[in-house]
Amino acid sequence: MNDDLAALAARIDRTNELLTRMLAEVAKTPSTHAIFVDAGYLYAAAGRLVAGTEDRRAFDLDAEGLSEAFIDRARSVFADSRLLRVYWYDGARRRIHTAEQQTIAELPDVKVRLGNLNANNQQKGVDSLIRSDLESLARHRAISDAALLGGDEDLVSAVEAAQGYGARVHLWGVEAPDGRNQAEPLLWEVDSQRTLDLEFFKPYVARRTAHAHEGPPTARPTRDDVRFVGAQIAAKWLAARGRDSLGELLPGHPYLPGSVDQDLLVEAEGLLQYSLRGQADLRRFLRDGFWEHLRTQY
């Protein structure tokens, strides 16, 4: 009898040892998050909030700037987690990228997934793509947290599928000028909710205006022009803030905090006398010049 008890105690000790090792390994594994953007919801809600219209033809949306702002916000929300990527879901006729969608697809850490667009410009199949990706990533333990920017009730099944595999789903929304722009059943199912307000979106959405009486457009600056301006602004930034601020900025390379990136964009446009909105390649050259100068000073 004593031998049986001793053997049982040994097995329990062995099991506890294995559990301790397993938990230690899990603790060493970094958490991973991904951002899922329903572009149809984003354009409609942000357009209405900032430009007063849901018609995409009536306003410009800086998708590159917004994706980086989402990444920056996620970095603060999921402080001990690394980004997998941003998934950008939109509709297109016959699933053929538009020029704007192709530009977004070329952004670092962004993957564009396309559903169909019918004759009434309504998205078809986007919700099922979101569900498929959320479920697959959660099932394979590729993500521990998902930030979902959307509002459609059809996304409830996507949330439930991801949660069923242990992932936490955090719903992000666009501030509504009146009422709500997200379905209540979706709000009930998620693990947390956040609303991004007017001040968050204002730098990235601008209503289009006619320029009938303007002079000829300014020539497009070259890559070297833009990189030089980025370096100029970096020198000014460093002189104003000092090396301690630089030390805080470098760990985020190649991303800039949203406020710094927006200030860089606005100042560069003033110096160049040229709009960089929607100019993904020039925006990258600008940041390259900014970072290169800072790294030489560290």
C-alpha atoms as a PDB file:
ATOM      1  CA  MET A   1       0.000   0.000   0.000  1.00  0.00           C
ATOM      2  CA  ASN A   2       2.789   2.394   0.916  1.00  0.00           C
ATOM      3  CA  ASP A   3       4.551   1.509  -2.326  1.00  0.00           C
ATOM      4  CA  ASP A   4       1.364   2.365  -4.275  1.00  0.00           C
ATOM      5  CA  LEU A   5       1.078   5.719  -2.501  1.00  0.00           C
ATOM      6  CA  ALA A   6       4.726   6.461  -3.152  1.00  0.00           C
ATOM      7  CA  ALA A   7       4.310   5.635  -6.850  1.00  0.00           C
ATOM      8  CA  LEU A   8       1.200   7.839  -7.055  1.00  0.00           C
ATOM      9  CA  ALA A   9       3.029  10.694  -5.334  1.00  0.00           C
ATOM     10  CA  ALA A  10       5.928  10.300  -7.784  1.00  0.00           C
ATOM     11  CA  ARG A  11       3.557  10.465 -10.745  1.00  0.00           C
ATOM     12  CA  ILE A  12       1.889  13.584  -9.340  1.00  0.00           C
ATOM     13  CA  ASP A  13       5.287  15.207  -8.829  1.00  0.00           C
ATOM     14  CA  ARG A  14       6.255  14.317 -12.383  1.00  0.00           C
ATOM     15  CA  THR A  15       3.003  15.776 -13.738  1.00  0.00           C
ATOM     16  CA  ASN A  16       3.487  18.963 -11.753  1.00  0.00           C
ATOM     17  CA  GLU A  17       7.021  19.250 -13.067  1.00  0.00           C
ATOM     18  CA  LEU A  18       5.824  18.899 -16.672  1.00  0.00           C
ATOM     19  CA  LEU A  19       3.084  21.475 -16.123  1.00  0.00           C
ATOM     20  CA  THR A  20       5.582  23.896 -14.627  1.00  0.00           C
ATOM     21  CA  ARG A  21       7.877  23.484 -17.638  1.00  0.00           C
ATOM     22  CA  MET A  22       4.982  23.940 -20.053  1.00  0.00           C
ATOM     23  CA  LEU A  23       3.806  27.118 -18.312  1.00  0.00           C
ATOM     24  CA  ALA A  24       7.348  28.457 -18.339  1.00  0.00           C
ATOM     25  CA  GLU A  25       7.565  27.880 -22.100  1.00  0.00           C
ATOM     26  CA  VAL A  26       4.198  29.560 -22.643  1.00  0.00           C
ATOM     27  CA  ALA A  27       5.350  32.529 -20.582  1.00  0.00           C
ATOM     28  CA  LYS A  28       8.420  32.909 -22.798  1.00  0.00           C
ATOM     29  CA  THR A  29       6.328  32.884 -26.004  1.00  0.00           C
ATOM     30  CA  PRO A  30       5.545  36.482 -27.034  1.00  0.00           C
ATOM     31  CA  SER A  31       1.922  37.399 -27.555  1.00  0.00           C
ATOM     32  CA  THR A  32       0.949  38.349 -31.087  1.00  0.00           C
ATOM     33  CA  HIS A  33      -1.846  40.586 -32.320  1.00  0.00           C
ATOM     34  CA  ALA A  34      -3.305  41.452 -35.697  1.00  0.00           C
ATOM     35  CA  ILE A  35      -5.535  44.288 -36.873  1.00  0.00           C
ATOM     36  CA  PHE A  36      -8.561  43.562 -39.069  1.00  0.00           C
ATOM     37  CA  VAL A  37     -10.012  46.547 -40.951  1.00  0.00           C
ATOM     38  CA  ASP A  38     -13.368  46.410 -42.721  1.00  0.00           C
ATOM     39  CA  ALA A  39     -12.631  49.178 -45.238  1.00  0.00           C
ATOM     40  CA  GLY A  40     -16.291  49.553 -46.181  1.00  0.00           C
ATOM     41  CA  TYR A  41     -17.159  50.422 -42.588  1.00  0.00           C
ATOM     42  CA  LEU A  42     -14.053  52.600 -42.207  1.00  0.00           C
ATOM     43  CA  TYR A  43     -14.702  54.726 -45.301  1.00  0.00           C
ATOM     44  CA  ALA A  44     -18.399  55.162 -44.554  1.00  0.00           C
ATOM     45  CA  ALA A  45     -18.027  55.947 -40.851  1.00  0.00           C
ATOM     46  CA  ALA A  46     -14.876  58.093 -41.070  1.00  0.00           C
ATOM     47  CA  GLY A  47     -16.181  59.923 -44.149  1.00  0.00           C
ATOM     48  CA  ARG A  48     -19.409  60.777 -42.383  1.00  0.00           C
ATOM     49  CA  LEU A  49     -17.595  61.816 -39.197  1.00  0.00           C
ATOM     50  CA  VAL A  50     -14.969  64.073 -40.796  1.00  0.00           C
ATOM     51  CA  ALA A  51     -16.273  65.014 -44.247  1.00  0.00           C
ATOM     52  CA  GLY A  52     -20.001  64.755 -43.624  1.00  0.00           C
ATOM     53  CA  THR A  53     -20.554  62.167 -46.354  1.00  0.00           C
ATOM     54  CA  GLU A  54     -20.229  58.403 -46.910  1.00  0.00           C
ATOM     55  CA  ASP A  55     -19.543  58.838 -50.643  1.00  0.00           C
ATOM     56  CA  ARG A  56     -15.934  57.772 -51.242  1.00  0.00           C
ATOM     57  CA  ARG A  57     -15.765  60.033 -54.308  1.00  0.00           C
ATOM     58  CA  ALA A  58     -16.295  63.095 -52.130  1.00  0.00           C
ATOM     59  CA  PHE A  59     -13.256  62.781 -49.849  1.00  0.00           C
ATOM     60  CA  ASP A  60      -9.676  61.514 -49.690  1.00  0.00           C
ATOM     61  CA  LEU A  61      -8.664  58.984 -47.064  1.00  0.00           C
ATOM     62  CA  ASP A  62      -4.972  58.548 -46.265  1.00  0.00           C
ATOM     63  CA  ALA A  63      -4.939  54.768 -45.934  1.00  0.00           C
ATOM     64  CA  GLU A  64      -1.194  54.616 -45.324  1.00  0.00           C
ATOM     65  CA  GLY A  65      -1.333  57.146 -42.532  1.00  0.00           C
ATOM     66  CA  LEU A  66      -4.357  55.462 -40.984  1.00  0.00           C
ATOM     67  CA  SER A  67      -2.846  51.987 -41.090  1.00  0.00           C
ATOM     68  CA  GLU A  68       0.211  53.318 -39.282  1.00  0.00           C
ATOM     69  CA  ALA A  69      -2.014  55.112 -36.781  1.00  0.00           C
ATOM     70  CA  PHE A  70      -3.826  51.812 -36.139  1.00  0.00           C
ATOM     71  CA  ILE A  71      -0.480  50.054 -35.646  1.00  0.00           C
ATOM     72  CA  ASP A  72       0.640  52.777 -33.250  1.00  0.00           C
ATOM     73  CA  ARG A  73      -2.599  52.564 -31.268  1.00  0.00           C
ATOM     74  CA  ALA A  74      -2.360  48.761 -31.099  1.00  0.00           C
ATOM     75  CA  ARG A  75       1.210  49.061 -29.820  1.00  0.00           C
ATOM     76  CA  SER A  76      -0.061  51.047 -26.837  1.00  0.00           C
ATOM     77  CA  VAL A  77      -3.061  48.769 -26.227  1.00  0.00           C
ATOM     78  CA  PHE A  78      -1.126  45.484 -26.576  1.00  0.00           C
ATOM     79  CA  ALA A  79       2.063  46.673 -24.905  1.00  0.00           C
ATOM     80  CA  ASP A  80       3.682  43.234 -24.470  1.00  0.00           C
ATOM     81  CA  SER A  81       2.683  41.897 -27.868  1.00  0.00           C
ATOM     82  CA  ARG A  82       4.141  41.985 -31.374  1.00  0.00           C
ATOM     83  CA  LEU A  83       2.234  42.820 -34.554  1.00  0.00           C
ATOM     84  CA  LEU A  84       1.569  40.039 -37.047  1.00  0.00           C
ATOM     85  CA  ARG A  85       0.115  42.347 -39.714  1.00  0.00           C
ATOM     86  CA  VAL A  86      -2.815  44.573 -40.681  1.00  0.00           C
ATOM     87  CA  TYR A  87      -5.522  42.858 -42.735  1.00  0.00           C
ATOM     88  CA  TRP A  88      -7.395  45.322 -44.958  1.00  0.00           C
ATOM     89  CA  TYR A  89     -10.709  44.033 -46.343  1.00  0.00           C
ATOM     90  CA  ASP A  90     -12.430  45.806 -49.210  1.00  0.00           C
ATOM     91  CA  GLY A  91     -14.611  45.131 -52.251  1.00  0.00           C
ATOM     92  CA  ALA A  92     -13.642  45.343 -55.913  1.00  0.00           C
ATOM     93  CA  ARG A  93     -15.322  44.371 -59.136  1.00  0.00           C
ATOM     94  CA  ARG A  94     -14.248  40.836 -60.089  1.00  0.00           C
ATOM     95  CA  ARG A  95     -11.800  41.098 -57.151  1.00  0.00           C
ATOM     96  CA  ILE A  96      -9.383  43.145 -59.281  1.00  0.00           C
ATOM     97  CA  HIS A  97      -7.415  45.701 -57.257  1.00  0.00           C
ATOM     98  CA  THR A  98      -8.094  49.355 -57.929  1.00  0.00           C
ATOM     99  CA  ALA A  99      -5.072  51.656 -58.105  1.00  0.00           C
ATOM    100  CA  GLU A 100      -5.764  52.774 -54.518  1.00  0.00           C
ATOM    101  CA  GLN A 101      -6.080  49.198 -53.264  1.00  0.00           C
ATOM    102  CA  GLN A 102      -2.866  48.238 -55.023  1.00  0.00           C
ATOM    103  CA  THR A 103      -1.069  51.104 -53.278  1.00  0.00           C
ATOM    104  CA  ILE A 104      -2.414  49.907 -49.921  1.00  0.00           C
ATOM    105  CA  ALA A 105      -1.356  46.332 -50.702  1.00  0.00           C
ATOM    106  CA  GLU A 106       2.226  47.529 -51.230  1.00  0.00           C
ATOM    107  CA  LEU A 107       2.436  48.996 -47.722  1.00  0.00           C
ATOM    108  CA  PRO A 108       4.660  47.129 -45.234  1.00  0.00           C
ATOM    109  CA  ASP A 109       2.827  44.847 -42.779  1.00  0.00           C
ATOM    110  CA  VAL A 110      -0.486  45.273 -44.644  1.00  0.00           C
ATOM    111  CA  LYS A 111      -2.327  42.520 -46.510  1.00  0.00           C
ATOM    112  CA  VAL A 112      -5.286  43.460 -48.705  1.00  0.00           C
ATOM    113  CA  ARG A 113      -8.082  40.896 -49.020  1.00  0.00           C
ATOM    114  CA  LEU A 114     -10.812  41.575 -51.591  1.00  0.00           C
ATOM    115  CA  GLY A 115     -14.435  40.558 -51.772  1.00  0.00           C
ATOM    116  CA  ASN A 116     -16.702  41.342 -54.716  1.00  0.00           C
ATOM    117  CA  LEU A 117     -18.426  44.640 -55.428  1.00  0.00           C
ATOM    118  CA  ASN A 118     -21.889  44.349 -56.976  1.00  0.00           C
ATOM    119  CA  ALA A 119     -23.684  46.718 -59.370  1.00  0.00           C
ATOM    120  CA  ASN A 120     -24.906  48.795 -56.406  1.00  0.00           C
ATOM    121  CA  ASN A 121     -21.352  49.179 -55.066  1.00  0.00           C
ATOM    122  CA  GLN A 122     -22.152  46.862 -52.144  1.00  0.00           C
ATOM    123  CA  GLN A 123     -19.447  44.587 -50.749  1.00  0.00           C
ATOM    124  CA  LYS A 124     -20.061  40.860 -51.020  1.00  0.00           C
ATOM    125  CA  GLY A 125     -17.971  38.182 -49.315  1.00  0.00           C
ATOM    126  CA  VAL A 126     -15.923  40.487 -47.096  1.00  0.00           C
ATOM    127  CA  ASP A 127     -17.454  39.230 -43.835  1.00  0.00           C
ATOM    128  CA  SER A 128     -16.694  35.625 -44.782  1.00  0.00           C
ATOM    129  CA  LEU A 129     -13.059  36.563 -45.521  1.00  0.00           C
ATOM    130  CA  ILE A 130     -12.737  38.179 -42.098  1.00  0.00           C
ATOM    131  CA  ARG A 131     -14.246  35.119 -40.427  1.00  0.00           C
ATOM    132  CA  SER A 132     -11.968  32.749 -42.351  1.00  0.00           C
ATOM    133  CA  ASP A 133      -8.814  34.669 -41.413  1.00  0.00           C
ATOM    134  CA  LEU A 134      -9.784  35.238 -37.788  1.00  0.00           C
ATOM    135  CA  GLU A 135     -10.688  31.598 -37.278  1.00  0.00           C
ATOM    136  CA  SER A 136      -7.599  30.247 -39.047  1.00  0.00           C
ATOM    137  CA  LEU A 137      -5.148  32.508 -37.216  1.00  0.00           C
ATOM    138  CA  ALA A 138      -6.738  31.752 -33.851  1.00  0.00           C
ATOM    139  CA  ARG A 139      -6.847  28.007 -34.530  1.00  0.00           C
ATOM    140  CA  HIS A 140      -3.153  27.909 -35.389  1.00  0.00           C
ATOM    141  CA  ARG A 141      -2.269  30.083 -32.356  1.00  0.00           C
ATOM    142  CA  ALA A 142      -0.833  32.707 -34.704  1.00  0.00           C
ATOM    143  CA  ILE A 143      -2.538  35.478 -32.726  1.00  0.00           C
ATOM    144  CA  SER A 144      -3.612  35.916 -29.129  1.00  0.00           C
ATOM    145  CA  ASP A 145      -5.485  39.198 -29.695  1.00  0.00           C
ATOM    146  CA  ALA A 146      -7.391  40.658 -32.637  1.00  0.00           C
ATOM    147  CA  ALA A 147      -8.327  44.317 -33.040  1.00  0.00           C
ATOM    148  CA  LEU A 148     -11.376  44.375 -35.305  1.00  0.00           C
ATOM    149  CA  LEU A 149     -12.484  47.655 -36.901  1.00  0.00           C
ATOM    150  CA  GLY A 150     -15.998  47.045 -38.175  1.00  0.00           C
ATOM    151  CA  GLY A 151     -19.646  47.309 -37.314  1.00  0.00           C
ATOM    152  CA  ASP A 152     -21.673  44.714 -39.213  1.00  0.00           C
ATOM    153  CA  GLU A 153     -23.726  42.161 -37.265  1.00  0.00           C
ATOM    154  CA  ASP A 154     -22.510  39.505 -39.709  1.00  0.00           C
ATOM    155  CA  LEU A 155     -19.095  39.741 -38.012  1.00  0.00           C
ATOM    156  CA  VAL A 156     -20.511  38.100 -34.865  1.00  0.00           C
ATOM    157  CA  SER A 157     -19.767  34.623 -36.246  1.00  0.00           C
ATOM    158  CA  ALA A 158     -16.161  35.676 -36.950  1.00  0.00           C
ATOM    159  CA  VAL A 159     -15.766  36.857 -33.364  1.00  0.00           C
ATOM    160  CA  GLU A 160     -17.251  33.651 -31.957  1.00  0.00           C
ATOM    161  CA  ALA A 161     -15.033  31.497 -34.176  1.00  0.00           C
ATOM    162  CA  ALA A 162     -11.842  33.222 -33.003  1.00  0.00           C
ATOM    163  CA  GLN A 163     -12.907  33.164 -29.361  1.00  0.00           C
ATOM    164  CA  GLY A 164     -13.633  29.462 -29.656  1.00  0.00           C
ATOM    165  CA  TYR A 165      -9.910  28.890 -30.196  1.00  0.00           C
ATOM    166  CA  GLY A 166      -8.883  31.092 -27.278  1.00  0.00           C
ATOM    167  CA  ALA A 167      -8.167  34.402 -29.014  1.00  0.00           C
ATOM    168  CA  ARG A 168      -9.483  37.647 -27.562  1.00  0.00           C
ATOM    169  CA  VAL A 169     -11.297  39.974 -29.958  1.00  0.00           C
ATOM    170  CA  HIS A 170     -11.303  43.726 -29.315  1.00  0.00           C
ATOM    171  CA  LEU A 171     -13.782  45.818 -31.289  1.00  0.00           C
ATOM    172  CA  TRP A 172     -12.653  49.219 -32.503  1.00  0.00           C
ATOM    173  CA  GLY A 173     -15.184  51.688 -33.831  1.00  0.00           C
ATOM    174  CA  VAL A 174     -15.403  55.104 -35.455  1.00  0.00           C
ATOM    175  CA  GLU A 175     -17.155  57.780 -33.439  1.00  0.00           C
ATOM    176  CA  ALA A 176     -20.710  58.261 -34.708  1.00  0.00           C
ATOM    177  CA  PRO A 177     -21.990  61.871 -34.998  1.00  0.00           C
ATOM    178  CA  ASP A 178     -25.358  60.577 -33.783  1.00  0.00           C
ATOM    179  CA  GLY A 179     -26.579  57.207 -32.599  1.00  0.00           C
ATOM    180  CA  ARG A 180     -24.475  54.101 -33.247  1.00  0.00           C
ATOM    181  CA  ASN A 181     -22.714  52.743 -36.300  1.00  0.00           C
ATOM    182  CA  GLN A 182     -21.998  49.263 -34.885  1.00  0.00           C
ATOM    183  CA  ALA A 183     -24.524  46.480 -34.380  1.00  0.00           C
ATOM    184  CA  GLU A 184     -25.462  45.764 -30.765  1.00  0.00           C
ATOM    185  CA  PRO A 185     -25.034  41.945 -31.082  1.00  0.00           C
ATOM    186  CA  LEU A 186     -21.440  42.582 -32.190  1.00  0.00           C
ATOM    187  CA  LEU A 187     -20.840  44.851 -29.200  1.00  0.00           C
ATOM    188  CA  TRP A 188     -22.175  42.140 -26.893  1.00  0.00           C
ATOM    189  CA  GLU A 189     -19.869  39.393 -28.181  1.00  0.00           C
ATOM    190  CA  VAL A 190     -16.435  41.046 -28.168  1.00  0.00           C
ATOM    191  CA  ASP A 191     -13.979  41.082 -25.271  1.00  0.00           C
ATOM    192  CA  SER A 192     -13.508  44.861 -25.221  1.00  0.00           C
ATOM    193  CA  GLN A 193     -14.612  47.973 -27.098  1.00  0.00           C
ATOM    194  CA  ARG A 194     -12.826  51.181 -28.081  1.00  0.00           C
ATOM    195  CA  THR A 195     -14.062  54.181 -30.045  1.00  0.00           C
ATOM    196  CA  LEU A 196     -11.660  56.247 -32.145  1.00  0.00           C
ATOM    197  CA  ASP A 197     -12.821  59.848 -32.166  1.00  0.00           C
ATOM    198  CA  LEU A 198     -12.881  62.803 -34.550  1.00  0.00           C
ATOM    199  CA  GLU A 199      -9.421  64.022 -33.500  1.00  0.00           C
ATOM    200  CA  PHE A 200      -7.959  60.616 -34.356  1.00  0.00           C
ATOM    201  CA  PHE A 201      -9.337  60.667 -37.920  1.00  0.00           C
ATOM    202  CA  LYS A 202      -9.098  64.357 -38.845  1.00  0.00           C
ATOM    203  CA  PRO A 203      -5.473  64.188 -40.074  1.00  0.00           C
ATOM    204  CA  TYR A 204      -6.312  61.343 -42.459  1.00  0.00           C
ATOM    205  CA  VAL A 205      -9.631  62.355 -44.049  1.00  0.00           C
ATOM    206  CA  ALA A 206     -10.177  65.474 -46.164  1.00  0.00           C
ATOM    207  CA  ARG A 207     -13.152  66.506 -48.259  1.00  0.00           C
ATOM    208  CA  ARG A 208     -12.318  67.031 -51.926  1.00  0.00           C
ATOM    209  CA  THR A 209     -12.727  70.542 -53.289  1.00  0.00           C
ATOM    210  CA  ALA A 210     -12.695  71.973 -56.797  1.00  0.00           C
ATOM    211  CA  HIS A 211      -9.560  73.843 -57.822  1.00  0.00           C
ATOM    212  CA  ALA A 212     -10.847  75.587 -60.932  1.00  0.00           C
ATOM    213  CA  HIS A 213      -8.899  78.811 -60.415  1.00  0.00           C
ATOM    214  CA  GLU A 214      -5.591  77.400 -59.233  1.00  0.00           C
ATOM    215  CA  GLY A 215      -2.397  77.768 -61.209  1.00  0.00           C
ATOM    216  CA  PRO A 216      -0.497  74.831 -62.683  1.00  0.00           C
ATOM    217  CA  PRO A 217       0.211  71.991 -60.241  1.00  0.00           C
ATOM    218  CA  THR A 218       3.551  71.826 -58.479  1.00  0.00           C
ATOM    219  CA  ALA A 219       5.956  69.333 -60.048  1.00  0.00           C
ATOM    220  CA  ARG A 220       6.244  66.017 -58.224  1.00  0.00           C
ATOM    221  CA  PRO A 221       9.385  66.065 -56.057  1.00  0.00           C
ATOM    222  CA  THR A 222      12.092  63.474 -56.605  1.00  0.00           C
ATOM    223  CA  ARG A 223      13.039  60.768 -54.139  1.00  0.00           C
ATOM    224  CA  ASP A 224      16.206  62.661 -53.170  1.00  0.00           C
ATOM    225  CA  ASP A 225      14.233  65.869 -52.636  1.00  0.00           C
ATOM    226  CA  VAL A 226      11.870  64.128 -50.236  1.00  0.00           C
ATOM    227  CA  ARG A 227      14.622  62.272 -48.368  1.00  0.00           C
ATOM    228  CA  PHE A 228      16.533  65.539 -47.919  1.00  0.00           C
ATOM    229  CA  VAL A 229      13.438  67.219 -46.480  1.00  0.00           C
ATOM    230  CA  GLY A 230      12.963  64.249 -44.121  1.00  0.00           C
ATOM    231  CA  ALA A 231      16.536  64.679 -42.897  1.00  0.00           C
ATOM    232  CA  GLN A 232      16.002  68.443 -42.467  1.00  0.00           C
ATOM    233  CA  ILE A 233      12.947  67.865 -40.313  1.00  0.00           C
ATOM    234  CA  ALA A 234      14.774  65.185 -38.303  1.00  0.00           C
ATOM    235  CA  ALA A 235      17.585  67.627 -37.507  1.00  0.00           C
ATOM    236  CA  LYS A 236      15.059  70.201 -36.361  1.00  0.00           C
ATOM    237  CA  TRP A 237      13.169  67.580 -34.340  1.00  0.00           C
ATOM    238  CA  LEU A 238      16.355  66.397 -32.619  1.00  0.00           C
ATOM    239  CA  ALA A 239      17.486  69.931 -31.788  1.00  0.00           C
ATOM    240  CA  ALA A 240      14.118  70.682 -30.194  1.00  0.00           C
ATOM    241  CA  ARG A 241      13.716  67.455 -28.198  1.00  0.00           C
ATOM    242  CA  GLY A 242      17.239  66.225 -27.438  1.00  0.00           C
ATOM    243  CA  ARG A 243      18.936  62.824 -27.463  1.00  0.00           C
ATOM    244  CA  ASP A 244      16.768  61.380 -24.688  1.00  0.00           C
ATOM    245  CA  SER A 245      13.718  61.631 -26.940  1.00  0.00           C
ATOM    246  CA  LEU A 246      15.703  59.935 -29.706  1.00  0.00           C
ATOM    247  CA  GLY A 247      16.414  56.985 -27.440  1.00  0.00           C
ATOM    248  CA  GLU A 248      12.683  56.581 -26.865  1.00  0.00           C
ATOM    249  CA  LEU A 249      11.923  56.749 -30.583  1.00  0.00           C
ATOM    250  CA  LEU A 250      14.485  54.274 -31.960  1.00  0.00           C
ATOM    251  CA  PRO A 251      12.978  51.041 -30.531  1.00  0.00           C
ATOM    252  CA  GLY A 252       9.873  51.617 -32.673  1.00  0.00           C
ATOM    253  CA  HIS A 253      11.851  51.671 -35.971  1.00  0.00           C
ATOM    254  CA  PRO A 254      10.654  51.582 -38.752  1.00  0.00           C
ATOM    255  CA  TYR A 255       7.390  52.971 -37.357  1.00  0.00           C
ATOM    256  CA  LEU A 256       6.911  56.464 -36.034  1.00  0.00           C
ATOM    257  CA  PRO A 257       4.351  57.345 -33.368  1.00  0.00           C
ATOM    258  CA  GLY A 258       1.217  58.699 -34.997  1.00  0.00           C
ATOM    259  CA  SER A 259       1.699  62.250 -33.721  1.00  0.00           C
ATOM    260  CA  VAL A 260       5.339  62.404 -34.900  1.00  0.00           C
ATOM    261  CA  ASP A 261       4.446  60.925 -38.291  1.00  0.00           C
ATOM    262  CA  GLN A 262       1.624  63.396 -38.820  1.00  0.00           C
ATOM    263  CA  ASP A 263       3.826  66.372 -37.853  1.00  0.00           C
ATOM    264  CA  LEU A 264       6.479  65.080 -40.261  1.00  0.00           C
ATOM    265  CA  LEU A 265       3.941  64.852 -43.079  1.00  0.00           C
ATOM    266  CA  VAL A 266       2.480  68.326 -42.533  1.00  0.00           C
ATOM    267  CA  GLU A 267       5.875  70.036 -42.251  1.00  0.00           C
ATOM    268  CA  ALA A 268       7.230  68.219 -45.303  1.00  0.00           C
ATOM    269  CA  GLU A 269       4.225  69.235 -47.403  1.00  0.00           C
ATOM    270  CA  GLY A 270       4.838  72.843 -46.397  1.00  0.00           C
ATOM    271  CA  LEU A 271       8.513  72.705 -47.348  1.00  0.00           C
ATOM    272  CA  LEU A 272       7.895  70.854 -50.608  1.00  0.00           C
ATOM    273  CA  GLN A 273       4.728  72.783 -51.508  1.00  0.00           C
ATOM    274  CA  TYR A 274       3.341  69.439 -52.624  1.00  0.00           C
ATOM    275  CA  SER A 275       0.703  67.116 -51.133  1.00  0.00           C
ATOM    276  CA  LEU A 276       2.003  63.706 -50.058  1.00  0.00           C
ATOM    277  CA  ARG A 277      -1.471  62.342 -49.302  1.00  0.00           C
ATOM    278  CA  GLY A 278      -1.918  59.053 -51.094  1.00  0.00           C
ATOM    279  CA  GLN A 279       1.723  59.123 -52.276  1.00  0.00           C
ATOM    280  CA  ALA A 280       2.906  55.932 -50.575  1.00  0.00           C
ATOM    281  CA  ASP A 281       6.356  55.884 -52.201  1.00  0.00           C
ATOM    282  CA  LEU A 282       7.118  59.518 -51.342  1.00  0.00           C
ATOM    283  CA  ARG A 283       5.886  59.007 -47.778  1.00  0.00           C
ATOM    284  CA  ARG A 284       8.346  56.111 -47.419  1.00  0.00           C
ATOM    285  CA  PHE A 285      11.212  58.223 -48.804  1.00  0.00           C
ATOM    286  CA  LEU A 286      10.303  60.971 -46.331  1.00  0.00           C
ATOM    287  CA  ARG A 287      10.465  58.584 -43.378  1.00  0.00           C
ATOM    288  CA  ASP A 288      13.674  57.034 -44.710  1.00  0.00           C
ATOM    289  CA  GLY A 289      15.330  60.448 -44.721  1.00  0.00           C
ATOM    290  CA  PHE A 290      14.016  61.200 -41.238  1.00  0.00           C
ATOM    291  CA  TRP A 291      15.237  57.892 -39.790  1.00  0.00           C
ATOM    292  CA  GLU A 292      18.610  57.949 -41.548  1.00  0.00           C
ATOM    293  CA  HIS A 293      19.497  61.304 -40.023  1.00  0.00           C
ATOM    294  CA  LEU A 294      18.414  60.236 -36.535  1.00  0.00           C
ATOM    295  CA  ARG A 295      20.338  56.958 -36.706  1.00  0.00           C
ATOM    296  CA  THR A 296      23.559  58.754 -37.666  1.00  0.00           C
ATOM    297  CA  GLN A 297      23.211  60.922 -34.556  1.00  0.00           C
ATOM    298  CA  TYR A 298      22.684  58.068 -32.077  1.00  0.00           C
END
